[in-house]
All heavy atoms as atom14 arrays in JSON, in Angstrom:
{
  "sequence": "AMSYALYFIAKNPEIQQKVRDEVRSVKKSHNDEINYDALMEMHYLN",
  "atom14_mask": [
    [1, 1, 1, 1, 1, 0, 0, 0, 0, 0, 0, 0, 0, 0],
    [1, 1, 1, 1, 1, 1, 1, 1, 0, 0, 0, 0, 0, 0],
    [1, 1, 1, 1, 1, 1, 0, 0, 0, 0, 0, 0, 0, 0],
    [1, 1, 1, 1, 1, 1, 1, 1, 1, 1, 1, 1, 0, 0],
    [1, 1, 1, 1, 1, 0, 0, 0, 0, 0, 0, 0, 0, 0],
    [1, 1, 1, 1, 1, 1, 1, 1, 0, 0, 0, 0, 0, 0],
    [1, 1, 1, 1, 1, 1, 1, 1, 1, 1, 1, 1, 0, 0],
    [1, 1, 1, 1, 1, 1, 1, 1, 1, 1, 1, 0, 0, 0],
    [1, 1, 1, 1, 1, 1, 1, 1, 0, 0, 0, 0, 0, 0],
    [1, 1, 1, 1, 1, 0, 0, 0, 0, 0, 0, 0, 0, 0],
    [1, 1, 1, 1, 1, 1, 1, 1, 1, 0, 0, 0, 0, 0],
    [1, 1, 1, 1, 1, 1, 1, 1, 0, 0, 0, 0, 0, 0],
    [1, 1, 1, 1, 1, 1, 1, 0, 0, 0, 0, 0, 0, 0],
    [1, 1, 1, 1, 1, 1, 1, 1, 1, 0, 0, 0, 0, 0],
    [1, 1, 1, 1, 1, 1, 1, 1, 0, 0, 0, 0, 0, 0],
    [1, 1, 1, 1, 1, 1, 1, 1, 1, 0, 0, 0, 0, 0],
    [1, 1, 1, 1, 1, 1, 1, 1, 1, 0, 0, 0, 0, 0],
    [1, 1, 1, 1, 1, 1, 1, 1, 1, 0, 0, 0, 0, 0],
    [1, 1, 1, 1, 1, 1, 1, 0, 0, 0, 0, 0, 0, 0],
    [1, 1, 1, 1, 1, 1, 1, 1, 1, 1, 1, 0, 0, 0],
    [1, 1, 1, 1, 1, 1, 1, 1, 0, 0, 0, 0, 0, 0],
    [1, 1, 1, 1, 1, 1, 1, 1, 1, 0, 0, 0, 0, 0],
    [1, 1, 1, 1, 1, 1, 1, 0, 0, 0, 0, 0, 0, 0],
    [1, 1, 1, 1, 1, 1, 1, 1, 1, 1, 1, 0, 0, 0],
    [1, 1, 1, 1, 1, 1, 0, 0, 0, 0, 0, 0, 0, 0],
    [1, 1, 1, 1, 1, 1, 1, 0, 0, 0, 0, 0, 0, 0],
    [1, 1, 1, 1, 1, 1, 1, 1, 1, 0, 0, 0, 0, 0],
    [1, 1, 1, 1, 1, 1, 1, 1, 1, 0, 0, 0, 0, 0],
    [1, 1, 1, 1, 1, 1, 0, 0, 0, 0, 0, 0, 0, 0],
    [1, 1, 1, 1, 1, 1, 1, 1, 1, 1, 0, 0, 0, 0],
    [1, 1, 1, 1, 1, 1, 1, 1, 0, 0, 0, 0, 0, 0],
    [1, 1, 1, 1, 1, 1, 1, 1, 0, 0, 0, 0, 0, 0],
    [1, 1, 1, 1, 1, 1, 1, 1, 1, 0, 0, 0, 0, 0],
    [1, 1, 1, 1, 1, 1, 1, 1, 0, 0, 0, 0, 0, 0],
    [1, 1, 1, 1, 1, 1, 1, 1, 0, 0, 0, 0, 0, 0],
    [1, 1, 1, 1, 1, 1, 1, 1, 1, 1, 1, 1, 0, 0],
    [1, 1, 1, 1, 1, 1, 1, 1, 0, 0, 0, 0, 0, 0],
    [1, 1, 1, 1, 1, 0, 0, 0, 0, 0, 0, 0, 0, 0],
    [1, 1, 1, 1, 1, 1, 1, 1, 0, 0, 0, 0, 0, 0],
    [1, 1, 1, 1, 1, 1, 1, 1, 0, 0, 0, 0, 0, 0],
    [1, 1, 1, 1, 1, 1, 1, 1, 1, 0, 0, 0, 0, 0],
    [1, 1, 1, 1, 1, 1, 1, 1, 0, 0, 0, 0, 0, 0],
    [1, 1, 1, 1, 1, 1, 1, 1, 1, 1, 0, 0, 0, 0],
    [1, 1, 1, 1, 1, 1, 1, 1, 1, 1, 1, 1, 0, 0],
    [1, 1, 1, 1, 1, 1, 1, 1, 0, 0, 0, 0, 0, 0],
    [1, 1, 1, 1, 1, 1, 1, 1, 0, 0, 0, 0, 0, 0]
  ],
  "atom14_positions": [
    [[147.58, 58.25, 126.09], [146.75, 57.06, 125.87], [145.5, 57.11, 126.73], [144.39, 56.8, 126.26], [147.56, 55.8, 126.17], [0.0, 0.0, 0.0], [0.0, 0.0, 0.0], [0.0, 0.0, 0.0], [0.0, 0.0, 0.0], [0.0, 0.0, 0.0], [0.0, 0.0, 0.0], [0.0, 0.0, 0.0], [0.0, 0.0, 0.0], [0.0, 0.0, 0.0]],
    [[145.62, 57.51, 127.99], [144.46, 57.63, 128.87], [143.47, 58.66, 128.34], [142.26, 58.47, 128.41], [144.91, 58.0, 130.29], [145.54, 56.89, 131.08], [145.97, 57.44, 132.75], [144.34, 57.73, 133.45], [0.0, 0.0, 0.0], [0.0, 0.0, 0.0], [0.0, 0.0, 0.0], [0.0, 0.0, 0.0], [0.0, 0.0, 0.0], [0.0, 0.0, 0.0]],
    [[144.01, 59.76, 127.83], [143.14, 60.84, 127.32], [142.28, 60.35, 126.16], [141.06, 60.57, 126.13], [144.0, 62.03, 126.85], [144.72, 62.59, 127.92], [0.0, 0.0, 0.0], [0.0, 0.0, 0.0], [0.0, 0.0, 0.0], [0.0, 0.0, 0.0], [0.0, 0.0, 0.0], [0.0, 0.0, 0.0], [0.0, 0.0, 0.0], [0.0, 0.0, 0.0]],
    [[142.91, 59.67, 125.21], [142.15, 59.14, 124.08], [141.15, 58.08, 124.53], [140.01, 58.03, 124.05], [143.1, 58.55, 123.04], [143.77, 59.57, 122.16], [145.15, 59.7, 122.14], [143.02, 60.4, 121.33], [145.77, 60.63, 121.32], [143.63, 61.34, 120.51], [145.01, 61.45, 120.52], [145.61, 62.38, 119.71], [0.0, 0.0, 0.0], [0.0, 0.0, 0.0]],
    [[141.55, 57.21, 125.46], [140.65, 56.17, 125.94], [139.42, 56.78, 126.59], [138.28, 56.35, 126.36], [141.38, 55.25, 126.91], [0.0, 0.0, 0.0], [0.0, 0.0, 0.0], [0.0, 0.0, 0.0], [0.0, 0.0, 0.0], [0.0, 0.0, 0.0], [0.0, 0.0, 0.0], [0.0, 0.0, 0.0], [0.0, 0.0, 0.0], [0.0, 0.0, 0.0]],
    [[139.62, 57.81, 127.41], [138.49, 58.46, 128.08], [137.57, 59.14, 127.06], [136.35, 59.14, 127.21], [139.0, 59.48, 129.11], [139.62, 58.86, 130.37], [140.33, 59.93, 131.19], [138.54, 58.18, 131.22], [0.0, 0.0, 0.0], [0.0, 0.0, 0.0], [0.0, 0.0, 0.0], [0.0, 0.0, 0.0], [0.0, 0.0, 0.0], [0.0, 0.0, 0.0]],
    [[138.16, 59.71, 126.03], [137.34, 60.33, 124.98], [136.46, 59.28, 124.32], [135.24, 59.49, 124.15], [138.23, 61.01, 123.93], [137.49, 61.34, 122.66], [136.65, 62.45, 122.59], [137.59, 60.52, 121.54], [135.94, 62.75, 121.42], [136.9, 60.8, 120.37], [136.07, 61.92, 120.31], [135.37, 62.2, 119.17], [0.0, 0.0, 0.0], [0.0, 0.0, 0.0]],
    [[137.04, 58.15, 123.9], [136.26, 57.13, 123.21], [135.22, 56.5, 124.14], [134.12, 56.17, 123.7], [137.18, 56.06, 122.64], [137.93, 56.51, 121.42], [139.32, 56.57, 121.41], [137.25, 56.9, 120.27], [140.01, 57.0, 120.29], [137.93, 57.34, 119.15], [139.32, 57.38, 119.16], [0.0, 0.0, 0.0], [0.0, 0.0, 0.0], [0.0, 0.0, 0.0]],
    [[135.55, 56.34, 125.4], [134.59, 55.82, 126.37], [133.43, 56.8, 126.55], [132.26, 56.41, 126.62], [135.28, 55.54, 127.72], [136.22, 54.33, 127.58], [134.26, 55.28, 128.83], [137.12, 54.1, 128.78], [0.0, 0.0, 0.0], [0.0, 0.0, 0.0], [0.0, 0.0, 0.0], [0.0, 0.0, 0.0], [0.0, 0.0, 0.0], [0.0, 0.0, 0.0]],
    [[133.76, 58.08, 126.6], [132.72, 59.1, 126.72], [131.87, 59.18, 125.47], [130.66, 59.44, 125.53], [133.36, 60.46, 127.01], [0.0, 0.0, 0.0], [0.0, 0.0, 0.0], [0.0, 0.0, 0.0], [0.0, 0.0, 0.0], [0.0, 0.0, 0.0], [0.0, 0.0, 0.0], [0.0, 0.0, 0.0], [0.0, 0.0, 0.0], [0.0, 0.0, 0.0]],
    [[132.48, 58.95, 124.32], [131.8, 59.04, 123.03], [130.83, 57.88, 122.82], [129.86, 58.0, 122.07], [132.86, 59.05, 121.92], [132.34, 59.29, 120.52], [132.0, 60.74, 120.29], [131.6, 60.98, 118.84], [131.1, 62.35, 118.64], [0.0, 0.0, 0.0], [0.0, 0.0, 0.0], [0.0, 0.0, 0.0], [0.0, 0.0, 0.0], [0.0, 0.0, 0.0]],
    [[131.08, 56.77, 123.51], [130.28, 55.56, 123.31], [129.67, 55.12, 124.64], [130.28, 54.32, 125.37], [131.17, 54.45, 122.74], [131.74, 54.8, 121.38], [131.1, 54.59, 120.36], [132.96, 55.3, 121.36], [0.0, 0.0, 0.0], [0.0, 0.0, 0.0], [0.0, 0.0, 0.0], [0.0, 0.0, 0.0], [0.0, 0.0, 0.0], [0.0, 0.0, 0.0]],
    [[128.47, 55.61, 124.98], [127.86, 55.31, 126.28], [127.7, 53.82, 126.57], [127.84, 53.4, 127.72], [126.49, 56.0, 126.18], [126.66, 57.06, 125.15], [127.64, 56.52, 124.17], [0.0, 0.0, 0.0], [0.0, 0.0, 0.0], [0.0, 0.0, 0.0], [0.0, 0.0, 0.0], [0.0, 0.0, 0.0], [0.0, 0.0, 0.0], [0.0, 0.0, 0.0]],
    [[127.42, 53.02, 125.53], [127.25, 51.59, 125.77], [128.57, 50.93, 126.16], [128.61, 50.02, 127.0], [126.65, 50.91, 124.53], [127.53, 50.8, 123.3], [127.78, 52.12, 122.57], [127.13, 53.15, 122.91], [128.61, 52.12, 121.65], [0.0, 0.0, 0.0], [0.0, 0.0, 0.0], [0.0, 0.0, 0.0], [0.0, 0.0, 0.0], [0.0, 0.0, 0.0]],
    [[129.66, 51.4, 125.58], [130.99, 50.9, 125.96], [131.32, 51.35, 127.38], [131.84, 50.57, 128.18], [132.06, 51.39, 124.96], [131.85, 50.72, 123.59], [133.47, 51.12, 125.48], [132.78, 51.21, 122.5], [0.0, 0.0, 0.0], [0.0, 0.0, 0.0], [0.0, 0.0, 0.0], [0.0, 0.0, 0.0], [0.0, 0.0, 0.0], [0.0, 0.0, 0.0]],
    [[130.99, 52.59, 127.68], [131.24, 53.11, 129.03], [130.53, 52.28, 130.09], [131.11, 51.91, 131.12], [130.8, 54.57, 129.13], [131.05, 55.19, 130.48], [130.77, 56.68, 130.53], [130.7, 57.29, 131.61], [130.61, 57.32, 129.38], [0.0, 0.0, 0.0], [0.0, 0.0, 0.0], [0.0, 0.0, 0.0], [0.0, 0.0, 0.0], [0.0, 0.0, 0.0]],
    [[129.27, 51.96, 129.83], [128.5, 51.18, 130.8], [129.07, 49.77, 130.93], [129.12, 49.21, 132.04], [127.03, 51.13, 130.41], [126.12, 50.57, 131.5], [126.21, 51.35, 132.8], [126.07, 52.58, 132.82], [126.45, 50.66, 133.9], [0.0, 0.0, 0.0], [0.0, 0.0, 0.0], [0.0, 0.0, 0.0], [0.0, 0.0, 0.0], [0.0, 0.0, 0.0]],
    [[129.49, 49.21, 129.82], [130.05, 47.86, 129.86], [131.35, 47.83, 130.66], [131.6, 46.89, 131.43], [130.29, 47.36, 128.43], [130.6, 45.87, 128.34], [130.6, 45.4, 126.9], [130.91, 43.9, 126.82], [130.89, 43.41, 125.42], [0.0, 0.0, 0.0], [0.0, 0.0, 0.0], [0.0, 0.0, 0.0], [0.0, 0.0, 0.0], [0.0, 0.0, 0.0]],
    [[132.19, 48.85, 130.5], [133.42, 48.95, 131.29], [133.08, 49.1, 132.77], [133.66, 48.42, 133.63], [134.29, 50.14, 130.83], [135.46, 50.36, 131.8], [134.82, 49.91, 129.42], [0.0, 0.0, 0.0], [0.0, 0.0, 0.0], [0.0, 0.0, 0.0], [0.0, 0.0, 0.0], [0.0, 0.0, 0.0], [0.0, 0.0, 0.0], [0.0, 0.0, 0.0]],
    [[132.13, 49.98, 133.08], [131.74, 50.21, 134.47], [131.18, 48.94, 135.11], [131.52, 48.62, 136.27], [130.73, 51.36, 134.56], [130.37, 51.77, 135.98], [129.45, 52.98, 135.99], [130.11, 54.14, 135.43], [129.73, 54.77, 134.32], [128.65, 54.34, 133.65], [130.38, 55.81, 133.88], [0.0, 0.0, 0.0], [0.0, 0.0, 0.0], [0.0, 0.0, 0.0]],
    [[130.36, 48.24, 134.4], [129.79, 46.99, 134.93], [130.89, 45.98, 135.22], [130.86, 45.29, 136.26], [128.79, 46.39, 133.94], [127.51, 47.21, 133.82], [127.26, 48.06, 134.72], [126.77, 47.02, 132.84], [0.0, 0.0, 0.0], [0.0, 0.0, 0.0], [0.0, 0.0, 0.0], [0.0, 0.0, 0.0], [0.0, 0.0, 0.0], [0.0, 0.0, 0.0]],
    [[131.87, 45.89, 134.32], [132.96, 44.95, 134.54], [133.79, 45.35, 135.76], [134.12, 44.5, 136.6], [133.86, 44.88, 133.31], [135.04, 43.91, 133.5], [135.99, 43.91, 132.32], [136.61, 44.96, 132.04], [136.13, 42.83, 131.69], [0.0, 0.0, 0.0], [0.0, 0.0, 0.0], [0.0, 0.0, 0.0], [0.0, 0.0, 0.0], [0.0, 0.0, 0.0]],
    [[134.13, 46.63, 135.86], [134.94, 47.1, 136.99], [134.25, 46.77, 138.31], [134.86, 46.23, 139.24], [135.21, 48.62, 136.88], [135.83, 49.16, 138.17], [136.11, 48.92, 135.68], [0.0, 0.0, 0.0], [0.0, 0.0, 0.0], [0.0, 0.0, 0.0], [0.0, 0.0, 0.0], [0.0, 0.0, 0.0], [0.0, 0.0, 0.0], [0.0, 0.0, 0.0]],
    [[132.98, 47.07, 138.37], [132.25, 46.85, 139.63], [132.05, 45.38, 139.92], [132.08, 44.96, 141.09], [130.92, 47.61, 139.58], [131.12, 49.12, 139.59], [129.83, 49.89, 139.53], [130.08, 51.32, 139.71], [129.14, 52.25, 139.71], [127.86, 51.91, 139.54], [129.46, 53.52, 139.89], [0.0, 0.0, 0.0], [0.0, 0.0, 0.0], [0.0, 0.0, 0.0]],
    [[131.83, 44.58, 138.9], [131.67, 43.15, 139.1], [132.95, 42.52, 139.62], [132.94, 41.7, 140.55], [131.25, 42.48, 137.78], [131.2, 41.09, 137.91], [0.0, 0.0, 0.0], [0.0, 0.0, 0.0], [0.0, 0.0, 0.0], [0.0, 0.0, 0.0], [0.0, 0.0, 0.0], [0.0, 0.0, 0.0], [0.0, 0.0, 0.0], [0.0, 0.0, 0.0]],
    [[134.08, 42.88, 139.01], [135.37, 42.32, 139.43], [135.72, 42.8, 140.84], [136.25, 42.03, 141.65], [136.47, 42.7, 138.42], [137.85, 42.31, 138.95], [136.22, 42.03, 137.07], [0.0, 0.0, 0.0], [0.0, 0.0, 0.0], [0.0, 0.0, 0.0], [0.0, 0.0, 0.0], [0.0, 0.0, 0.0], [0.0, 0.0, 0.0], [0.0, 0.0, 0.0]],
    [[135.43, 44.06, 141.13], [135.73, 44.59, 142.46], [135.06, 43.78, 143.57], [135.64, 43.58, 144.64], [135.27, 46.05, 142.57], [136.24, 47.07, 142.02], [135.67, 48.48, 142.12], [135.36, 48.87, 143.55], [134.8, 50.23, 143.65], [0.0, 0.0, 0.0], [0.0, 0.0, 0.0], [0.0, 0.0, 0.0], [0.0, 0.0, 0.0], [0.0, 0.0, 0.0]],
    [[133.85, 43.32, 143.32], [133.1, 42.59, 144.35], [133.84, 41.35, 144.85], [133.73, 40.98, 146.01], [131.73, 42.18, 143.8], [130.73, 43.33, 143.74], [129.37, 42.83, 143.23], [128.37, 43.98, 143.15], [127.05, 43.52, 142.63], [0.0, 0.0, 0.0], [0.0, 0.0, 0.0], [0.0, 0.0, 0.0], [0.0, 0.0, 0.0], [0.0, 0.0, 0.0]],
    [[134.58, 40.72, 143.95], [135.32, 39.51, 144.34], [136.71, 39.82, 144.87], [137.51, 38.91, 145.11], [135.41, 38.55, 143.16], [136.05, 39.16, 142.06], [0.0, 0.0, 0.0], [0.0, 0.0, 0.0], [0.0, 0.0, 0.0], [0.0, 0.0, 0.0], [0.0, 0.0, 0.0], [0.0, 0.0, 0.0], [0.0, 0.0, 0.0], [0.0, 0.0, 0.0]],
    [[137.01, 41.12, 145.03], [138.33, 41.53, 145.54], [138.16, 42.57, 146.65], [138.81, 43.63, 146.63], [139.19, 42.09, 144.4], [139.64, 41.05, 143.42], [140.79, 40.31, 143.59], [139.06, 40.59, 142.27], [140.92, 39.46, 142.58], [139.89, 39.62, 141.77], [0.0, 0.0, 0.0], [0.0, 0.0, 0.0], [0.0, 0.0, 0.0], [0.0, 0.0, 0.0]],
    [[137.29, 42.29, 147.59], [137.07, 43.17, 148.75], [136.71, 44.59, 148.34], [137.09, 45.55, 149.0], [138.31, 43.19, 149.65], [138.63, 41.82, 150.23], [137.72, 41.1, 150.65], [139.9, 41.46, 150.23], [0.0, 0.0, 0.0], [0.0, 0.0, 0.0], [0.0, 0.0, 0.0], [0.0, 0.0, 0.0], [0.0, 0.0, 0.0], [0.0, 0.0, 0.0]],
    [[136.0, 44.68, 147.2], [135.55, 45.97, 146.69], [136.72, 46.93, 146.42], [136.63, 48.13, 146.64], [134.54, 46.62, 147.65], [133.6, 47.58, 146.92], [133.27, 47.29, 145.75], [133.22, 48.61, 147.51], [0.0, 0.0, 0.0], [0.0, 0.0, 0.0], [0.0, 0.0, 0.0], [0.0, 0.0, 0.0], [0.0, 0.0, 0.0], [0.0, 0.0, 0.0]],
    [[137.83, 46.36, 145.95], [139.02, 47.15, 145.63], [139.47, 46.89, 144.2], [139.24, 45.81, 143.65], [140.18, 46.78, 146.57], [139.98, 47.15, 148.01], [141.16, 46.7, 148.86], [142.02, 45.93, 148.35], [141.23, 47.11, 150.02], [0.0, 0.0, 0.0], [0.0, 0.0, 0.0], [0.0, 0.0, 0.0], [0.0, 0.0, 0.0], [0.0, 0.0, 0.0]],
    [[140.12, 47.89, 143.63], [140.78, 47.69, 142.34], [142.25, 47.4, 142.66], [143.09, 48.29, 142.66], [140.65, 48.92, 141.42], [139.19, 49.3, 141.21], [141.31, 48.63, 140.06], [139.0, 50.57, 140.38], [0.0, 0.0, 0.0], [0.0, 0.0, 0.0], [0.0, 0.0, 0.0], [0.0, 0.0, 0.0], [0.0, 0.0, 0.0], [0.0, 0.0, 0.0]],
    [[142.53, 46.14, 142.99], [143.91, 45.77, 143.26], [144.55, 45.18, 141.99], [143.93, 45.13, 140.93], [144.0, 44.8, 144.44], [143.15, 43.55, 144.23], [142.98, 43.07, 143.11], [142.58, 43.03, 145.32], [0.0, 0.0, 0.0], [0.0, 0.0, 0.0], [0.0, 0.0, 0.0], [0.0, 0.0, 0.0], [0.0, 0.0, 0.0], [0.0, 0.0, 0.0]],
    [[145.79, 44.75, 142.12], [146.52, 44.26, 140.94], [145.8, 43.09, 140.28], [145.6, 43.06, 139.06], [147.94, 43.85, 141.37], [148.79, 43.34, 140.24], [149.55, 44.21, 139.45], [148.84, 41.97, 139.94], [150.33, 43.74, 138.41], [149.62, 41.49, 138.89], [150.36, 42.38, 138.13], [151.12, 41.9, 137.09], [0.0, 0.0, 0.0], [0.0, 0.0, 0.0]],
    [[145.41, 42.1, 141.09], [144.76, 40.92, 140.53], [143.41, 41.26, 139.89], [143.04, 40.7, 138.85], [144.57, 39.86, 141.61], [145.89, 39.28, 142.1], [146.82, 39.18, 141.27], [146.0, 38.95, 143.3], [0.0, 0.0, 0.0], [0.0, 0.0, 0.0], [0.0, 0.0, 0.0], [0.0, 0.0, 0.0], [0.0, 0.0, 0.0], [0.0, 0.0, 0.0]],
    [[142.69, 42.19, 140.52], [141.41, 42.62, 139.95], [141.62, 43.25, 138.57], [140.88, 42.97, 137.62], [140.72, 43.61, 140.89], [0.0, 0.0, 0.0], [0.0, 0.0, 0.0], [0.0, 0.0, 0.0], [0.0, 0.0, 0.0], [0.0, 0.0, 0.0], [0.0, 0.0, 0.0], [0.0, 0.0, 0.0], [0.0, 0.0, 0.0], [0.0, 0.0, 0.0]],
    [[142.64, 44.09, 138.47], [142.9, 44.77, 137.21], [143.23, 43.76, 136.1], [142.83, 43.93, 134.94], [144.07, 45.75, 137.39], [144.12, 46.96, 136.46], [142.84, 47.78, 136.53], [145.33, 47.82, 136.77], [0.0, 0.0, 0.0], [0.0, 0.0, 0.0], [0.0, 0.0, 0.0], [0.0, 0.0, 0.0], [0.0, 0.0, 0.0], [0.0, 0.0, 0.0]],
    [[143.94, 42.69, 136.46], [144.29, 41.66, 135.49], [143.06, 40.91, 134.99], [143.08, 40.29, 133.93], [145.28, 40.67, 136.09], [146.65, 41.24, 136.46], [147.54, 42.0, 135.06], [147.27, 43.76, 135.39], [0.0, 0.0, 0.0], [0.0, 0.0, 0.0], [0.0, 0.0, 0.0], [0.0, 0.0, 0.0], [0.0, 0.0, 0.0], [0.0, 0.0, 0.0]],
    [[141.97, 40.96, 135.75], [140.74, 40.25, 135.37], [139.78, 41.13, 134.56], [138.74, 40.64, 134.11], [140.03, 39.75, 136.63], [140.8, 38.66, 137.38], [140.11, 38.27, 138.69], [138.88, 38.52, 138.81], [140.78, 37.73, 139.59], [0.0, 0.0, 0.0], [0.0, 0.0, 0.0], [0.0, 0.0, 0.0], [0.0, 0.0, 0.0], [0.0, 0.0, 0.0]],
    [[140.12, 42.39, 134.37], [139.24, 43.31, 133.63], [139.56, 43.21, 132.14], [140.22, 44.06, 131.56], [139.39, 44.73, 134.16], [138.94, 44.87, 135.61], [139.16, 46.55, 136.26], [138.74, 46.3, 137.99], [0.0, 0.0, 0.0], [0.0, 0.0, 0.0], [0.0, 0.0, 0.0], [0.0, 0.0, 0.0], [0.0, 0.0, 0.0], [0.0, 0.0, 0.0]],
    [[139.04, 42.16, 131.52], [139.41, 41.86, 130.14], [138.8, 42.84, 129.14], [139.44, 43.18, 128.14], [138.98, 40.42, 129.81], [139.55, 39.41, 130.75], [140.9, 39.23, 130.91], [138.95, 38.51, 131.6], [141.13, 38.27, 131.79], [139.95, 37.82, 132.24], [0.0, 0.0, 0.0], [0.0, 0.0, 0.0], [0.0, 0.0, 0.0], [0.0, 0.0, 0.0]],
    [[137.57, 43.27, 129.39], [136.97, 44.21, 128.43], [137.66, 45.57, 128.51], [137.87, 46.22, 127.48], [135.47, 44.37, 128.69], [134.78, 45.19, 127.63], [134.62, 44.68, 126.34], [134.32, 46.48, 127.89], [134.0, 45.44, 125.34], [133.71, 47.24, 126.9], [133.56, 46.71, 125.62], [132.96, 47.47, 124.64], [0.0, 0.0, 0.0], [0.0, 0.0, 0.0]],
    [[138.04, 45.99, 129.72], [138.82, 47.23, 129.86], [140.11, 47.11, 129.06], [140.53, 48.08, 128.39], [139.13, 47.49, 131.33], [140.07, 48.67, 131.62], [139.45, 49.99, 131.17], [140.41, 48.73, 133.12], [0.0, 0.0, 0.0], [0.0, 0.0, 0.0], [0.0, 0.0, 0.0], [0.0, 0.0, 0.0], [0.0, 0.0, 0.0], [0.0, 0.0, 0.0]],
    [[140.74, 45.96, 129.1], [141.96, 45.74, 128.33], [141.7, 45.86, 126.84], [142.51, 46.43, 126.09], [142.53, 44.36, 128.66], [143.9, 44.15, 128.05], [144.83, 44.89, 128.34], [144.02, 43.14, 127.21], [0.0, 0.0, 0.0], [0.0, 0.0, 0.0], [0.0, 0.0, 0.0], [0.0, 0.0, 0.0], [0.0, 0.0, 0.0], [0.0, 0.0, 0.0]]
  ]
}
């Protein structure tokens, strides 16, 4: 599943940037970490 997801993210630069922006935005409110609660807030990644 991770392999296919990475392929589609790589294939679609605009989706990749949107995922990256969300990850970094959520991290800021969690001490710059990808912790459990942060991951639950990454809705576009989901």
